């Protein structure tokens, strides 16, 4: 599956480890305003608007869980190295899939108010 176009991101901080924040359904990067402000002195913080959310373009076709995970992987790769990934709700489901599909890109994982995903074994 091809990942959707590069999503819109809000970034803060210029030095330190990369932290990627993935929001829940119906939300956007705005839900991580406190983390962007609070962590920017010690990390490079990136919060995305997932494809089809907020200021990101709507994908031509539904990306599916793998497509969202691959889009997140693309954001990490574009910034080099790996990331500490924070996923809230649906963002946690994406974060888990990201860790399974691209383990080399996930330095650590925080899954909050989430599930492993519907239909998962």
PDB file of N, CA and C in Angstrom:
ATOM      1  N   UNK A   1       0.841  -1.176   0.000  1.00  0.00           N
ATOM      2  CA  UNK A   1       0.000   0.000   0.000  1.00  0.00           C
ATOM      3  C   UNK A   1       0.884   1.236   0.000  1.00  0.00           C
ATOM      4  N   UNK A   2       0.521   2.225  -0.780  1.00  0.00           N
ATOM      5  CA  UNK A   2       1.260   3.471  -0.851  1.00  0.00           C
ATOM      6  C   UNK A   2       0.781   4.424   0.225  1.00  0.00           C
ATOM      7  N   UNK A   3       1.725   5.066   0.888  1.00  0.00           N
ATOM      8  CA  UNK A   3       1.369   6.027   1.934  1.00  0.00           C
ATOM      9  C   UNK A   3       0.764   7.263   1.296  1.00  0.00           C
ATOM     10  N   UNK A   4      -0.178   7.921   1.979  1.00  0.00           N
ATOM     11  CA  UNK A   4      -0.752   9.148   1.464  1.00  0.00           C
ATOM     12  C   UNK A   4       0.284  10.261   1.428  1.00  0.00           C
ATOM     13  N   UNK A   5      -0.074  11.370   0.799  1.00  0.00           N
ATOM     14  CA  UNK A   5       0.817  12.519   0.710  1.00  0.00           C
ATOM     15  C   UNK A   5       1.287  12.942   2.095  1.00  0.00           C
ATOM     16  N   UNK A   6       2.407  13.642   2.137  1.00  0.00           N
ATOM     17  CA  UNK A   6       2.967  14.097   3.399  1.00  0.00           C
ATOM     18  C   UNK A   6       1.953  14.942   4.158  1.00  0.00           C
ATOM     19  N   UNK A   7       1.670  14.567   5.397  1.00  0.00           N
ATOM     20  CA  UNK A   7       0.683  15.307   6.191  1.00  0.00           C
ATOM     21  C   UNK A   7       1.215  16.647   6.683  1.00  0.00           C
ATOM     22  N   UNK A   8       0.298  17.531   7.034  1.00  0.00           N
ATOM     23  CA  UNK A   8       0.646  18.809   7.658  1.00  0.00           C
ATOM     24  C   UNK A   8       1.179  18.527   9.060  1.00  0.00           C
ATOM     25  N   UNK A   9       2.213  19.251   9.462  1.00  0.00           N
ATOM     26  CA  UNK A   9       2.756  19.086  10.814  1.00  0.00           C
ATOM     27  C   UNK A   9       2.969  20.444  11.469  1.00  0.00           C
ATOM     28  N   UNK A  10       2.915  20.433  12.794  1.00  0.00           N
ATOM     29  CA  UNK A  10       3.317  21.555  13.619  1.00  0.00           C
ATOM     30  C   UNK A  10       4.580  21.097  14.324  1.00  0.00           C
ATOM     31  N   UNK A  11       5.616  21.933  14.309  1.00  0.00           N
ATOM     32  CA  UNK A  11       6.900  21.549  14.895  1.00  0.00           C
ATOM     33  C   UNK A  11       7.369  22.576  15.900  1.00  0.00           C
ATOM     34  N   UNK A  12       8.089  22.107  16.914  1.00  0.00           N
ATOM     35  CA  UNK A  12       8.693  22.980  17.910  1.00  0.00           C
ATOM     36  C   UNK A  12      10.000  22.351  18.362  1.00  0.00           C
ATOM     37  N   UNK A  13      10.959  23.191  18.717  1.00  0.00           N
ATOM     38  CA  UNK A  13      12.260  22.706  19.169  1.00  0.00           C
ATOM     39  C   UNK A  13      13.166  22.388  18.005  1.00  0.00           C
ATOM     40  N   UNK A  14      14.456  22.560  18.223  1.00  0.00           N
ATOM     41  CA  UNK A  14      15.428  22.332  17.148  1.00  0.00           C
ATOM     42  C   UNK A  14      16.522  21.353  17.534  1.00  0.00           C
ATOM     43  N   UNK A  15      16.608  21.010  18.810  1.00  0.00           N
ATOM     44  CA  UNK A  15      17.655  20.110  19.264  1.00  0.00           C
ATOM     45  C   UNK A  15      17.076  19.012  20.138  1.00  0.00           C
ATOM     46  N   UNK A  16      17.825  17.921  20.222  1.00  0.00           N
ATOM     47  CA  UNK A  16      17.400  16.815  21.065  1.00  0.00           C
ATOM     48  C   UNK A  16      16.716  15.738  20.266  1.00  0.00           C
ATOM     49  N   UNK A  17      16.209  14.730  20.965  1.00  0.00           N
ATOM     50  CA  UNK A  17      15.555  13.614  20.288  1.00  0.00           C
ATOM     51  C   UNK A  17      14.252  14.047  19.620  1.00  0.00           C
ATOM     52  N   UNK A  18      13.861  13.287  18.629  1.00  0.00           N
ATOM     53  CA  UNK A  18      12.606  13.541  17.930  1.00  0.00           C
ATOM     54  C   UNK A  18      11.453  12.890  18.685  1.00  0.00           C
ATOM     55  N   UNK A  19      10.379  13.656  18.884  1.00  0.00           N
ATOM     56  CA  UNK A  19       9.142  13.162  19.490  1.00  0.00           C
ATOM     57  C   UNK A  19       8.030  13.369  18.465  1.00  0.00           C
ATOM     58  N   UNK A  20       7.340  12.305  18.085  1.00  0.00           N
ATOM     59  CA  UNK A  20       6.236  12.384  17.128  1.00  0.00           C
ATOM     60  C   UNK A  20       4.928  12.155  17.857  1.00  0.00           C
ATOM     61  N   UNK A  21       3.992  13.086  17.723  1.00  0.00           N
ATOM     62  CA  UNK A  21       2.694  13.036  18.400  1.00  0.00           C
ATOM     63  C   UNK A  21       1.593  12.730  17.387  1.00  0.00           C
ATOM     64  N   UNK A  22       0.824  11.671  17.650  1.00  0.00           N
ATOM     65  CA  UNK A  22      -0.243  11.228  16.754  1.00  0.00           C
ATOM     66  C   UNK A  22      -1.586  11.354  17.473  1.00  0.00           C
ATOM     67  N   UNK A  23      -2.477  12.162  16.930  1.00  0.00           N
ATOM     68  CA  UNK A  23      -3.761  12.478  17.568  1.00  0.00           C
ATOM     69  C   UNK A  23      -4.836  11.424  17.317  1.00  0.00           C
ATOM     70  N   UNK A  24      -5.944  11.570  18.025  1.00  0.00           N
ATOM     71  CA  UNK A  24      -7.080  10.674  17.887  1.00  0.00           C
ATOM     72  C   UNK A  24      -8.045  11.098  16.791  1.00  0.00           C
ATOM     73  N   UNK A  25      -9.047  10.276  16.569  1.00  0.00           N
ATOM     74  CA  UNK A  25     -10.079  10.552  15.567  1.00  0.00           C
ATOM     75  C   UNK A  25     -10.771  11.874  15.904  1.00  0.00           C
ATOM     76  N   UNK A  26     -11.006  12.667  14.873  1.00  0.00           N
ATOM     77  CA  UNK A  26     -11.704  13.932  15.040  1.00  0.00           C
ATOM     78  C   UNK A  26     -10.847  15.027  15.635  1.00  0.00           C
ATOM     79  N   UNK A  27      -9.577  14.793  15.796  1.00  0.00           N
ATOM     80  CA  UNK A  27      -8.684  15.766  16.414  1.00  0.00           C
ATOM     81  C   UNK A  27      -7.653  16.238  15.398  1.00  0.00           C
ATOM     82  N   UNK A  28      -6.604  16.879  15.886  1.00  0.00           N
ATOM     83  CA  UNK A  28      -5.544  17.390  15.015  1.00  0.00           C
ATOM     84  C   UNK A  28      -4.301  17.651  15.847  1.00  0.00           C
ATOM     85  N   UNK A  29      -3.302  18.200  15.215  1.00  0.00           N
ATOM     86  CA  UNK A  29      -2.060  18.548  15.908  1.00  0.00           C
ATOM     87  C   UNK A  29      -2.308  19.538  17.038  1.00  0.00           C
ATOM     88  N   UNK A  30      -3.384  20.303  16.965  1.00  0.00           N
ATOM     89  CA  UNK A  30      -3.699  21.292  18.005  1.00  0.00           C
ATOM     90  C   UNK A  30      -3.864  20.643  19.376  1.00  0.00           C
ATOM     91  N   UNK A  31      -4.220  19.368  19.418  1.00  0.00           N
ATOM     92  CA  UNK A  31      -4.400  18.691  20.702  1.00  0.00           C
ATOM     93  C   UNK A  31      -3.077  18.489  21.442  1.00  0.00           C
ATOM     94  N   UNK A  32      -1.965  18.733  20.780  1.00  0.00           N
ATOM     95  CA  UNK A  32      -0.656  18.576  21.406  1.00  0.00           C
ATOM     96  C   UNK A  32       0.035  19.912  21.666  1.00  0.00           C
ATOM     97  N   UNK A  33      -0.717  20.999  21.749  1.00  0.00           N
ATOM     98  CA  UNK A  33      -0.124  22.324  21.984  1.00  0.00           C
ATOM     99  C   UNK A  33       0.721  22.352  23.253  1.00  0.00           C
ATOM    100  N   UNK A  34       0.241  21.746  24.320  1.00  0.00           N
ATOM    101  CA  UNK A  34       0.991  21.753  25.583  1.00  0.00           C
ATOM    102  C   UNK A  34       2.296  20.970  25.459  1.00  0.00           C
ATOM    103  N   UNK A  35       2.267  19.844  24.744  1.00  0.00           N
ATOM    104  CA  UNK A  35       3.483  19.051  24.568  1.00  0.00           C
ATOM    105  C   UNK A  35       4.478  19.776  23.676  1.00  0.00           C
ATOM    106  N   UNK A  36       3.984  20.428  22.636  1.00  0.00           N
ATOM    107  CA  UNK A  36       4.872  21.197  21.766  1.00  0.00           C
ATOM    108  C   UNK A  36       5.586  22.278  22.565  1.00  0.00           C
ATOM    109  N   UNK A  37       4.844  22.979  23.398  1.00  0.00           N
ATOM    110  CA  UNK A  37       5.433  24.055  24.202  1.00  0.00           C
ATOM    111  C   UNK A  37       6.349  23.498  25.288  1.00  0.00           C
ATOM    112  N   UNK A  38       5.898  22.479  25.985  1.00  0.00           N
ATOM    113  CA  UNK A  38       6.634  21.975  27.137  1.00  0.00           C
ATOM    114  C   UNK A  38       7.878  21.182  26.802  1.00  0.00           C
ATOM    115  N   UNK A  39       7.865  20.455  25.695  1.00  0.00           N
ATOM    116  CA  UNK A  39       8.997  19.602  25.348  1.00  0.00           C
ATOM    117  C   UNK A  39       9.999  20.259  24.398  1.00  0.00           C
ATOM    118  N   UNK A  40       9.649  21.405  23.836  1.00  0.00           N
ATOM    119  CA  UNK A  40      10.491  22.013  22.800  1.00  0.00           C
ATOM    120  C   UNK A  40      11.853  22.469  23.296  1.00  0.00           C
ATOM    121  N   UNK A  41      12.025  22.596  24.604  1.00  0.00           N
ATOM    122  CA  UNK A  41      13.337  23.002  25.123  1.00  0.00           C
ATOM    123  C   UNK A  41      14.305  21.823  25.212  1.00  0.00           C
ATOM    124  N   UNK A  42      13.784  20.594  25.137  1.00  0.00           N
ATOM    125  CA  UNK A  42      14.642  19.418  25.264  1.00  0.00           C
ATOM    126  C   UNK A  42      14.518  18.438  24.100  1.00  0.00           C
ATOM    127  N   UNK A  43      13.618  18.713  23.156  1.00  0.00           N
ATOM    128  CA  UNK A  43      13.385  17.772  22.057  1.00  0.00           C
ATOM    129  C   UNK A  43      12.884  18.512  20.820  1.00  0.00           C
ATOM    130  N   UNK A  44      12.966  17.812  19.695  1.00  0.00           N
ATOM    131  CA  UNK A  44      12.322  18.262  18.459  1.00  0.00           C
ATOM    132  C   UNK A  44      10.960  17.583  18.445  1.00  0.00           C
ATOM    133  N   UNK A  45       9.902  18.352  18.560  1.00  0.00           N
ATOM    134  CA  UNK A  45       8.556  17.800  18.697  1.00  0.00           C
ATOM    135  C   UNK A  45       7.782  18.053  17.404  1.00  0.00           C
ATOM    136  N   UNK A  46       7.190  17.002  16.884  1.00  0.00           N
ATOM    137  CA  UNK A  46       6.381  17.071  15.663  1.00  0.00           C
ATOM    138  C   UNK A  46       5.011  16.505  15.985  1.00  0.00           C
ATOM    139  N   UNK A  47       3.965  17.285  15.739  1.00  0.00           N
ATOM    140  CA  UNK A  47       2.590  16.816  15.881  1.00  0.00           C
ATOM    141  C   UNK A  47       1.938  16.903  14.505  1.00  0.00           C
ATOM    142  N   UNK A  48       1.360  15.809  14.065  1.00  0.00           N
ATOM    143  CA  UNK A  48       0.786  15.822  12.719  1.00  0.00           C
ATOM    144  C   UNK A  48      -0.718  16.032  12.733  1.00  0.00           C
ATOM    145  N   UNK A  49      -1.212  16.468  11.580  1.00  0.00           N
ATOM    146  CA  UNK A  49      -2.618  16.341  11.225  1.00  0.00           C
ATOM    147  C   UNK A  49      -2.625  15.126  10.302  1.00  0.00           C
ATOM    148  N   UNK A  50      -3.132  14.020  10.774  1.00  0.00           N
ATOM    149  CA  UNK A  50      -3.134  12.794   9.973  1.00  0.00           C
ATOM    150  C   UNK A  50      -3.773  13.061   8.606  1.00  0.00           C
ATOM    151  N   UNK A  51      -3.387  12.312   7.587  1.00  0.00           N
ATOM    152  CA  UNK A  51      -4.004  12.491   6.278  1.00  0.00           C
ATOM    153  C   UNK A  51      -5.531  12.485   6.391  1.00  0.00           C
ATOM    154  N   UNK A  52      -6.158  13.525   5.848  1.00  0.00           N
ATOM    155  CA  UNK A  52      -7.608  13.661   5.912  1.00  0.00           C
ATOM    156  C   UNK A  52      -8.115  14.393   7.143  1.00  0.00           C
ATOM    157  N   UNK A  53      -7.229  14.830   8.016  1.00  0.00           N
ATOM    158  CA  UNK A  53      -7.595  15.537   9.247  1.00  0.00           C
ATOM    159  C   UNK A  53      -6.981  16.937   9.247  1.00  0.00           C
ATOM    160  N   UNK A  54      -7.639  17.847   9.973  1.00  0.00           N
ATOM    161  CA  UNK A  54      -7.088  19.190  10.156  1.00  0.00           C
ATOM    162  C   UNK A  54      -6.676  19.835   8.848  1.00  0.00           C
ATOM    163  N   UNK A  55      -5.420  20.260   8.796  1.00  0.00           N
ATOM    164  CA  UNK A  55      -4.903  20.968   7.620  1.00  0.00           C
ATOM    165  C   UNK A  55      -4.234  20.050   6.602  1.00  0.00           C
ATOM    166  N   UNK A  56      -4.286  18.737   6.830  1.00  0.00           N
ATOM    167  CA  UNK A  56      -3.738  17.800   5.844  1.00  0.00           C
ATOM    168  C   UNK A  56      -4.751  17.567   4.737  1.00  0.00           C
ATOM    169  N   UNK A  57      -4.223  17.328   3.556  1.00  0.00           N
ATOM    170  CA  UNK A  57      -5.090  17.050   2.407  1.00  0.00           C
ATOM    171  C   UNK A  57      -5.822  15.728   2.601  1.00  0.00           C
ATOM    172  N   UNK A  58      -7.003  15.636   2.022  1.00  0.00           N
ATOM    173  CA  UNK A  58      -7.726  14.374   2.000  1.00  0.00           C
ATOM    174  C   UNK A  58      -7.022  13.441   1.024  1.00  0.00           C
ATOM    175  N   UNK A  59      -6.779  12.200   1.418  1.00  0.00           N
ATOM    176  CA  UNK A  59      -6.152  11.254   0.490  1.00  0.00           C
ATOM    177  C   UNK A  59      -7.120  10.882  -0.625  1.00  0.00           C
ATOM    178  N   UNK A  60      -6.569  10.475  -1.772  1.00  0.00           N
ATOM    179  CA  UNK A  60      -7.395  10.061  -2.906  1.00  0.00           C
ATOM    180  C   UNK A  60      -8.194   8.807  -2.574  1.00  0.00           C
ATOM    181  N   UNK A  61      -7.583   7.911  -1.820  1.00  0.00           N
ATOM    182  CA  UNK A  61      -8.253   6.692  -1.369  1.00  0.00           C
ATOM    183  C   UNK A  61      -7.981   6.522   0.119  1.00  0.00           C
ATOM    184  N   UNK A  62      -8.821   5.770   0.781  1.00  0.00           N
ATOM    185  CA  UNK A  62      -8.640   5.541   2.213  1.00  0.00           C
ATOM    186  C   UNK A  62      -7.286   4.859   2.436  1.00  0.00           C
ATOM    187  N   UNK A  63      -6.430   5.453   3.290  1.00  0.00           N
ATOM    188  CA  UNK A  63      -5.090   4.892   3.464  1.00  0.00           C
ATOM    189  C   UNK A  63      -5.054   3.587   4.243  1.00  0.00           C
ATOM    190  N   UNK A  64      -6.077   3.322   5.044  1.00  0.00           N
ATOM    191  CA  UNK A  64      -6.040   2.137   5.894  1.00  0.00           C
ATOM    192  C   UNK A  64      -4.985   2.302   6.980  1.00  0.00           C
ATOM    193  N   UNK A  65      -4.998   1.415   7.931  1.00  0.00           N
ATOM    194  CA  UNK A  65      -4.083   1.513   9.057  1.00  0.00           C
ATOM    195  C   UNK A  65      -2.623   1.473   8.611  1.00  0.00           C
ATOM    196  N   UNK A  66      -2.287   0.591   7.678  1.00  0.00           N
ATOM    197  CA  UNK A  66      -0.913   0.521   7.190  1.00  0.00           C
ATOM    198  C   UNK A  66      -0.500   1.826   6.507  1.00  0.00           C
ATOM    199  N   UNK A  67      -1.407   2.435   5.767  1.00  0.00           N
ATOM    200  CA  UNK A  67      -1.099   3.703   5.099  1.00  0.00           C
ATOM    201  C   UNK A  67      -0.814   4.822   6.083  1.00  0.00           C
ATOM    202  N   UNK A  68      -1.604   4.888   7.164  1.00  0.00           N
ATOM    203  CA  UNK A  68      -1.342   5.890   8.199  1.00  0.00           C
ATOM    204  C   UNK A  68       0.010   5.629   8.870  1.00  0.00           C
ATOM    205  N   UNK A  69       0.291   4.360   9.180  1.00  0.00           N
ATOM    206  CA  UNK A  69       1.570   4.020   9.805  1.00  0.00           C
ATOM    207  C   UNK A  69       2.733   4.357   8.887  1.00  0.00           C
ATOM    208  N   UNK A  70       2.578   4.090   7.603  1.00  0.00           N
ATOM    209  CA  UNK A  70       3.642   4.392   6.651  1.00  0.00           C
ATOM    210  C   UNK A  70       3.831   5.899   6.474  1.00  0.00           C
ATOM    211  N   UNK A  71       2.745   6.660   6.551  1.00  0.00           N
ATOM    212  CA  UNK A  71       2.860   8.116   6.477  1.00  0.00           C
ATOM    213  C   UNK A  71       3.635   8.649   7.695  1.00  0.00           C
ATOM    214  N   UNK A  72       3.358   8.078   8.874  1.00  0.00           N
ATOM    215  CA  UNK A  72       4.105   8.466  10.078  1.00  0.00           C
ATOM    216  C   UNK A  72       5.576   8.083   9.928  1.00  0.00           C
ATOM    217  N   UNK A  73       5.833   6.913   9.373  1.00  0.00           N
ATOM    218  CA  UNK A  73       7.217   6.481   9.141  1.00  0.00           C
ATOM    219  C   UNK A  73       7.933   7.461   8.212  1.00  0.00           C
ATOM    220  N   UNK A  74       7.226   7.951   7.203  1.00  0.00           N
ATOM    221  CA  UNK A  74       7.817   8.923   6.289  1.00  0.00           C
ATOM    222  C   UNK A  74       8.223  10.209   6.991  1.00  0.00           C
ATOM    223  N   UNK A  75       7.400  10.643   7.942  1.00  0.00           N
ATOM    224  CA  UNK A  75       7.747  11.846   8.707  1.00  0.00           C
ATOM    225  C   UNK A  75       9.020  11.627   9.521  1.00  0.00           C
ATOM    226  N   UNK A  76       9.135  10.472  10.131  1.00  0.00           N
ATOM    227  CA  UNK A  76      10.327  10.169  10.933  1.00  0.00           C
ATOM    228  C   UNK A  76      11.555  10.089  10.024  1.00  0.00           C
ATOM    229  N   UNK A  77      11.434   9.361   8.931  1.00  0.00           N
ATOM    230  CA  UNK A  77      12.569   9.223   8.004  1.00  0.00           C
ATOM    231  C   UNK A  77      13.032  10.581   7.472  1.00  0.00           C
ATOM    232  N   UNK A  78      12.091  11.460   7.184  1.00  0.00           N
ATOM    233  CA  UNK A  78      12.442  12.784   6.655  1.00  0.00           C
ATOM    234  C   UNK A  78      13.255  13.604   7.653  1.00  0.00           C
ATOM    235  N   UNK A  79      13.167  13.239   8.933  1.00  0.00           N
ATOM    236  CA  UNK A  79      13.897  13.975   9.973  1.00  0.00           C
ATOM    237  C   UNK A  79      15.106  13.195  10.473  1.00  0.00           C
ATOM    238  N   UNK A  80      15.350  12.017   9.918  1.00  0.00           N
ATOM    239  CA  UNK A  80      16.513  11.207  10.257  1.00  0.00           C
ATOM    240  C   UNK A  80      16.366  10.471  11.571  1.00  0.00           C
ATOM    241  N   UNK A  81      16.945   9.296  11.637  1.00  0.00           N
ATOM    242  CA  UNK A  81      16.967   8.541  12.882  1.00  0.00           C
ATOM    243  C   UNK A  81      15.654   7.888  13.245  1.00  0.00           C
ATOM    244  N   UNK A  82      15.356   7.945  14.528  1.00  0.00           N
ATOM    245  CA  UNK A  82      14.130   7.344  15.053  1.00  0.00           C
ATOM    246  C   UNK A  82      13.410   8.372  15.920  1.00  0.00           C
ATOM    247  N   UNK A  83      12.237   8.006  16.415  1.00  0.00           N
ATOM    248  CA  UNK A  83      11.438   8.952  17.204  1.00  0.00           C
ATOM    249  C   UNK A  83      10.850   8.267  18.423  1.00  0.00           C
ATOM    250  N   UNK A  84      10.626   9.059  19.444  1.00  0.00           N
ATOM    251  CA  UNK A  84       9.805   8.662  20.571  1.00  0.00           C
ATOM    252  C   UNK A  84       8.387   8.999  20.129  1.00  0.00           C
ATOM    253  N   UNK A  85       7.520   8.018  20.060  1.00  0.00           N
ATOM    254  CA  UNK A  85       6.189   8.190  19.468  1.00  0.00           C
ATOM    255  C   UNK A  85       5.132   8.192  20.565  1.00  0.00           C
ATOM    256  N   UNK A  86       4.275   9.213  20.533  1.00  0.00           N
ATOM    257  CA  UNK A  86       3.151   9.343  21.451  1.00  0.00           C
ATOM    258  C   UNK A  86       1.878   9.240  20.625  1.00  0.00           C
ATOM    259  N   UNK A  87       1.037   8.267  20.936  1.00  0.00           N
ATOM    260  CA  UNK A  87      -0.230   8.108  20.235  1.00  0.00           C
ATOM    261  C   UNK A  87      -1.387   8.121  21.206  1.00  0.00           C
ATOM    262  N   UNK A  88      -2.367   8.957  20.930  1.00  0.00           N
ATOM    263  CA  UNK A  88      -3.554   9.066  21.772  1.00  0.00           C
ATOM    264  C   UNK A  88      -4.754   8.528  20.996  1.00  0.00           C
ATOM    265  N   UNK A  89      -5.500   7.621  21.599  1.00  0.00           N
ATOM    266  CA  UNK A  89      -6.702   7.048  21.015  1.00  0.00           C
ATOM    267  C   UNK A  89      -6.361   6.418  19.657  1.00  0.00           C
ATOM    268  N   UNK A  90      -7.000   6.872  18.573  1.00  0.00           N
ATOM    269  CA  UNK A  90      -6.705   6.335  17.242  1.00  0.00           C
ATOM    270  C   UNK A  90      -5.223   6.516  16.907  1.00  0.00           C
ATOM    271  N   UNK A  91      -4.610   7.585  17.378  1.00  0.00           N
ATOM    272  CA  UNK A  91      -3.177   7.777  17.188  1.00  0.00           C
ATOM    273  C   UNK A  91      -2.366   6.669  17.839  1.00  0.00           C
ATOM    274  N   UNK A  92      -2.866   6.108  18.940  1.00  0.00           N
ATOM    275  CA  UNK A  92      -2.207   4.979  19.577  1.00  0.00           C
ATOM    276  C   UNK A  92      -2.265   3.726  18.725  1.00  0.00           C
ATOM    277  N   UNK A  93      -3.384   3.519  18.059  1.00  0.00           N
ATOM    278  CA  UNK A  93      -3.520   2.382  17.146  1.00  0.00           C
ATOM    279  C   UNK A  93      -2.510   2.531  16.008  1.00  0.00           C
ATOM    280  N   UNK A  94      -2.405   3.735  15.456  1.00  0.00           N
ATOM    281  CA  UNK A  94      -1.437   4.004  14.394  1.00  0.00           C
ATOM    282  C   UNK A  94      -0.019   3.797  14.915  1.00  0.00           C
ATOM    283  N   UNK A  95       0.246   4.287  16.125  1.00  0.00           N
ATOM    284  CA  UNK A  95       1.585   4.156  16.716  1.00  0.00           C
ATOM    285  C   UNK A  95       1.981   2.692  16.876  1.00  0.00           C
ATOM    286  N   UNK A  96       1.045   1.860  17.322  1.00  0.00           N
ATOM    287  CA  UNK A  96       1.336   0.438  17.469  1.00  0.00           C
ATOM    288  C   UNK A  96       1.663  -0.195  16.116  1.00  0.00           C
ATOM    289  N   UNK A  97       0.887   0.136  15.098  1.00  0.00           N
ATOM    290  CA  UNK A  97       1.156  -0.403  13.759  1.00  0.00           C
ATOM    291  C   UNK A  97       2.489   0.112  13.231  1.00  0.00           C
ATOM    292  N   UNK A  98       2.786   1.382  13.490  1.00  0.00           N
ATOM    293  CA  UNK A  98       4.080   1.950  13.105  1.00  0.00           C
ATOM    294  C   UNK A  98       5.214   1.140  13.732  1.00  0.00           C
ATOM    295  N   UNK A  99       5.099   0.839  15.025  1.00  0.00           N
ATOM    296  CA  UNK A  99       6.140   0.076  15.724  1.00  0.00           C
ATOM    297  C   UNK A  99       6.287  -1.337  15.159  1.00  0.00           C
ATOM    298  N   UNK A 100       5.179  -1.939  14.737  1.00  0.00           N
ATOM    299  CA  UNK A 100       5.239  -3.283  14.151  1.00  0.00           C
ATOM    300  C   UNK A 100       5.831  -3.273  12.752  1.00  0.00           C
ATOM    301  N   UNK A 101       5.447  -2.293  11.951  1.00  0.00           N
ATOM    302  CA  UNK A 101       5.902  -2.224  10.553  1.00  0.00           C
ATOM    303  C   UNK A 101       7.296  -1.633  10.402  1.00  0.00           C
ATOM    304  N   UNK A 102       7.661  -0.723  11.300  1.00  0.00           N
ATOM    305  CA  UNK A 102       8.931   0.000  11.179  1.00  0.00           C
ATOM    306  C   UNK A 102       9.625   0.086  12.538  1.00  0.00           C
ATOM    307  N   UNK A 103       9.968  -1.047  13.144  1.00  0.00           N
ATOM    308  CA  UNK A 103      10.517  -1.023  14.502  1.00  0.00           C
ATOM    309  C   UNK A 103      11.805  -0.214  14.629  1.00  0.00           C
ATOM    310  N   UNK A 104      12.558  -0.118  13.563  1.00  0.00           N
ATOM    311  CA  UNK A 104      13.804   0.650  13.600  1.00  0.00           C
ATOM    312  C   UNK A 104      13.569   2.153  13.738  1.00  0.00           C
ATOM    313  N   UNK A 105      12.357   2.610  13.482  1.00  0.00           N
ATOM    314  CA  UNK A 105      12.046   4.042  13.547  1.00  0.00           C
ATOM    315  C   UNK A 105      11.449   4.468  14.885  1.00  0.00           C
ATOM    316  N   UNK A 106      11.142   3.510  15.754  1.00  0.00           N
ATOM    317  CA  UNK A 106      10.472   3.816  17.025  1.00  0.00           C
ATOM    318  C   UNK A 106      11.441   3.567  18.182  1.00  0.00           C
ATOM    319  N   UNK A 107      11.918   4.674  18.789  1.00  0.00           N
ATOM    320  CA  UNK A 107      12.836   4.576  19.922  1.00  0.00           C
ATOM    321  C   UNK A 107      12.086   4.194  21.191  1.00  0.00           C
ATOM    322  N   UNK A 108      10.886   4.722  21.353  1.00  0.00           N
ATOM    323  CA  UNK A 108      10.013   4.380  22.474  1.00  0.00           C
ATOM    324  C   UNK A 108       8.584   4.668  22.051  1.00  0.00           C
ATOM    325  N   UNK A 109       7.642   4.151  22.837  1.00  0.00           N
ATOM    326  CA  UNK A 109       6.241   4.230  22.454  1.00  0.00           C
ATOM    327  C   UNK A 109       5.384   4.527  23.676  1.00  0.00           C
ATOM    328  N   UNK A 110       4.555   5.561  23.561  1.00  0.00           N
ATOM    329  CA  UNK A 110       3.560   5.872  24.578  1.00  0.00           C
ATOM    330  C   UNK A 110       2.195   5.758  23.909  1.00  0.00           C
ATOM    331  N   UNK A 111       1.353   4.886  24.441  1.00  0.00           N
ATOM    332  CA  UNK A 111       0.014   4.689  23.898  1.00  0.00           C
ATOM    333  C   UNK A 111      -0.966   5.077  25.017  1.00  0.00           C
ATOM    334  N   UNK A 112      -1.753   6.110  24.786  1.00  0.00           N
ATOM    335  CA  UNK A 112      -2.640   6.635  25.812  1.00  0.00           C
ATOM    336  C   UNK A 112      -4.096   6.572  25.363  1.00  0.00           C
ATOM    337  N   UNK A 113      -4.967   6.103  26.261  1.00  0.00           N
ATOM    338  CA  UNK A 113      -6.402   6.041  25.980  1.00  0.00           C
ATOM    339  C   UNK A 113      -6.688   5.378  24.653  1.00  0.00           C
ATOM    340  N   UNK A 114      -6.112   4.217  24.444  1.00  0.00           N
ATOM    341  CA  UNK A 114      -6.158   3.585  23.139  1.00  0.00           C
ATOM    342  C   UNK A 114      -6.489   2.106  23.280  1.00  0.00           C
ATOM    343  N   UNK A 115      -6.417   1.424  22.163  1.00  0.00           N
ATOM    344  CA  UNK A 115      -6.631   0.003  22.057  1.00  0.00           C
ATOM    345  C   UNK A 115      -5.643  -0.535  21.034  1.00  0.00           C
ATOM    346  N   UNK A 116      -5.551  -1.835  20.921  1.00  0.00           N
ATOM    347  CA  UNK A 116      -4.652  -2.392  19.914  1.00  0.00           C
ATOM    348  C   UNK A 116      -5.253  -2.301  18.513  1.00  0.00           C
ATOM    349  N   UNK A 117      -6.511  -1.912  18.409  1.00  0.00           N
ATOM    350  CA  UNK A 117      -7.185  -1.783  17.127  1.00  0.00           C
ATOM    351  C   UNK A 117      -8.271  -2.817  16.973  1.00  0.00           C
ATOM    352  N   UNK A 118      -9.366  -2.442  16.361  1.00  0.00           N
ATOM    353  CA  UNK A 118     -10.476  -3.373  16.178  1.00  0.00           C
ATOM    354  C   UNK A 118     -10.089  -4.439  15.160  1.00  0.00           C
ATOM    355  N   UNK A 119     -10.575  -5.621  15.398  1.00  0.00           N
ATOM    356  CA  UNK A 119     -10.288  -6.726  14.477  1.00  0.00           C
ATOM    357  C   UNK A 119      -8.885  -7.270  14.608  1.00  0.00           C
ATOM    358  N   UNK A 120      -8.134  -6.846  15.613  1.00  0.00           N
ATOM    359  CA  UNK A 120      -6.760  -7.327  15.792  1.00  0.00           C
ATOM    360  C   UNK A 120      -6.760  -8.593  16.613  1.00  0.00           C
ATOM    361  N   UNK A 121      -5.826  -9.468  16.345  1.00  0.00           N
ATOM    362  CA  UNK A 121      -5.665 -10.689  17.137  1.00  0.00           C
ATOM    363  C   UNK A 121      -4.878 -10.377  18.399  1.00  0.00           C
TER     364      UNK A 121
END
